[in-house]
Amino acid sequence: MLSHGAYNNAVGLCIACPITSKVKGYPFEVSLPSGLPVYGVVLADHIKSVDWAARQSEFICECPAEVLEDVLQKLEPLIY
């Protein structure tokens, strides 16, 4: 999830990038480190606005800071 909790709670949406277990070596994939309850890669260029309440989303784990930083670095040339 890229958006802040205040935004998420205020509008009932969150801005997120999906995670897939199908690693393809795509340049915008960001690998998740081992030891997390989820595995695979973040698809940094697949930004989504998600109605987390309607999807009954649940918190699984916090993204490591280095993964979030890598995702944001890959996004920067796409949005600026």
C-alpha atoms as a PDB file:
ATOM      1  CA  MET A   1       0.000   0.000   0.000  1.00  0.00           C
ATOM      2  CA  LEU A   2       1.410   3.352  -1.010  1.00  0.00           C
ATOM      3  CA  SER A   3      -1.181   5.708   0.451  1.00  0.00           C
ATOM      4  CA  HIS A   4      -1.312   6.942   4.035  1.00  0.00           C
ATOM      5  CA  GLY A   5      -3.775   5.583   6.575  1.00  0.00           C
ATOM      6  CA  ALA A   6      -5.463   8.980   6.950  1.00  0.00           C
ATOM      7  CA  TYR A   7      -6.334   9.000   3.237  1.00  0.00           C
ATOM      8  CA  ASN A   8      -7.379   5.351   3.271  1.00  0.00           C
ATOM      9  CA  ASN A   9      -9.762   5.843   6.186  1.00  0.00           C
ATOM     10  CA  ALA A  10     -11.153   9.157   4.924  1.00  0.00           C
ATOM     11  CA  VAL A  11     -12.153   7.925   1.463  1.00  0.00           C
ATOM     12  CA  GLY A  12     -12.370   4.155   1.926  1.00  0.00           C
ATOM     13  CA  LEU A  13      -9.786   3.584  -0.784  1.00  0.00           C
ATOM     14  CA  CYS A  14      -6.088   2.861  -0.836  1.00  0.00           C
ATOM     15  CA  ILE A  15      -3.440   3.257  -3.499  1.00  0.00           C
ATOM     16  CA  ALA A  16      -1.449   0.066  -3.861  1.00  0.00           C
ATOM     17  CA  CYS A  17       0.726  -2.032  -6.132  1.00  0.00           C
ATOM     18  CA  PRO A  18      -0.160  -5.696  -6.574  1.00  0.00           C
ATOM     19  CA  ILE A  19       2.091  -8.578  -5.565  1.00  0.00           C
ATOM     20  CA  THR A  20       2.444 -11.657  -7.751  1.00  0.00           C
ATOM     21  CA  SER A  21       4.176 -14.974  -7.180  1.00  0.00           C
ATOM     22  CA  LYS A  22       4.921 -15.255 -10.926  1.00  0.00           C
ATOM     23  CA  VAL A  23       8.373 -13.716 -11.243  1.00  0.00           C
ATOM     24  CA  LYS A  24       9.130 -12.844 -14.870  1.00  0.00           C
ATOM     25  CA  GLY A  25      12.204 -10.626 -14.539  1.00  0.00           C
ATOM     26  CA  TYR A  26      10.242  -7.560 -15.638  1.00  0.00           C
ATOM     27  CA  PRO A  27      12.144  -4.283 -14.978  1.00  0.00           C
ATOM     28  CA  PHE A  28       9.427  -2.918 -12.686  1.00  0.00           C
ATOM     29  CA  GLU A  29       9.307  -5.966 -10.410  1.00  0.00           C
ATOM     30  CA  VAL A  30      10.572  -5.470  -6.867  1.00  0.00           C
ATOM     31  CA  SER A  31      11.417  -8.692  -5.050  1.00  0.00           C
ATOM     32  CA  LEU A  32      10.102  -9.290  -1.569  1.00  0.00           C
ATOM     33  CA  PRO A  33      12.701 -10.613   0.880  1.00  0.00           C
ATOM     34  CA  SER A  34      12.327 -14.098   2.301  1.00  0.00           C
ATOM     35  CA  GLY A  35      10.829 -14.436   5.749  1.00  0.00           C
ATOM     36  CA  LEU A  36       7.656 -12.462   5.028  1.00  0.00           C
ATOM     37  CA  PRO A  37       4.232 -14.140   5.099  1.00  0.00           C
ATOM     38  CA  VAL A  38       3.833 -13.186   1.406  1.00  0.00           C
ATOM     39  CA  TYR A  39       6.289 -13.996  -1.361  1.00  0.00           C
ATOM     40  CA  GLY A  40       6.941 -12.915  -4.918  1.00  0.00           C
ATOM     41  CA  VAL A  41       7.407  -9.496  -6.454  1.00  0.00           C
ATOM     42  CA  VAL A  42       5.677  -6.126  -6.258  1.00  0.00           C
ATOM     43  CA  LEU A  43       4.577  -4.868  -9.685  1.00  0.00           C
ATOM     44  CA  ALA A  44       5.625  -1.253  -9.205  1.00  0.00           C
ATOM     45  CA  ASP A  45       4.072   0.034 -12.434  1.00  0.00           C
ATOM     46  CA  HIS A  46       0.634  -1.520 -11.810  1.00  0.00           C
ATOM     47  CA  ILE A  47      -0.660   1.184  -9.466  1.00  0.00           C
ATOM     48  CA  LYS A  48      -4.250   0.549  -8.375  1.00  0.00           C
ATOM     49  CA  SER A  49      -6.882   2.423  -6.428  1.00  0.00           C
ATOM     50  CA  VAL A  50      -8.593  -0.241  -4.332  1.00  0.00           C
ATOM     51  CA  ASP A  51     -11.835  -0.137  -2.353  1.00  0.00           C
ATOM     52  CA  TRP A  52     -10.298  -2.020   0.563  1.00  0.00           C
ATOM     53  CA  ALA A  53     -13.534  -2.122   2.567  1.00  0.00           C
ATOM     54  CA  ALA A  54     -15.589  -3.655  -0.260  1.00  0.00           C
ATOM     55  CA  ARG A  55     -12.844  -6.219  -0.880  1.00  0.00           C
ATOM     56  CA  GLN A  56     -12.713  -6.996   2.851  1.00  0.00           C
ATOM     57  CA  SER A  57      -8.937  -6.510   2.804  1.00  0.00           C
ATOM     58  CA  GLU A  58      -6.889  -7.503   5.815  1.00  0.00           C
ATOM     59  CA  PHE A  59      -3.483  -6.343   7.006  1.00  0.00           C
ATOM     60  CA  ILE A  60      -0.915  -9.120   6.512  1.00  0.00           C
ATOM     61  CA  CYS A  61       2.449  -7.495   7.203  1.00  0.00           C
ATOM     62  CA  GLU A  62       4.372  -4.268   6.905  1.00  0.00           C
ATOM     63  CA  CYS A  63       6.462  -3.758   3.806  1.00  0.00           C
ATOM     64  CA  PRO A  64      10.189  -3.475   4.559  1.00  0.00           C
ATOM     65  CA  ALA A  65      11.445   0.085   4.096  1.00  0.00           C
ATOM     66  CA  GLU A  66      13.972  -0.924   1.423  1.00  0.00           C
ATOM     67  CA  VAL A  67      11.221  -2.546  -0.676  1.00  0.00           C
ATOM     68  CA  LEU A  68       9.017   0.547  -0.446  1.00  0.00           C
ATOM     69  CA  GLU A  69      11.976   2.753  -1.375  1.00  0.00           C
ATOM     70  CA  ASP A  70      12.732   0.570  -4.419  1.00  0.00           C
ATOM     71  CA  VAL A  71       9.069   0.670  -5.526  1.00  0.00           C
ATOM     72  CA  LEU A  72       8.980   4.469  -5.215  1.00  0.00           C
ATOM     73  CA  GLN A  73      12.261   4.801  -7.154  1.00  0.00           C
ATOM     74  CA  LYS A  74      10.818   2.731  -9.993  1.00  0.00           C
ATOM     75  CA  LEU A  75       7.632   4.837  -9.982  1.00  0.00           C
ATOM     76  CA  GLU A  76       9.380   8.204 -10.044  1.00  0.00           C
ATOM     77  CA  PRO A  77      10.282   8.281 -13.767  1.00  0.00           C
ATOM     78  CA  LEU A  78       6.736   7.196 -14.624  1.00  0.00           C
ATOM     79  CA  ILE A  79       4.974  10.029 -12.798  1.00  0.00           C
ATOM     80  CA  TYR A  80       7.410  12.972 -12.914  1.00  0.00           C
END
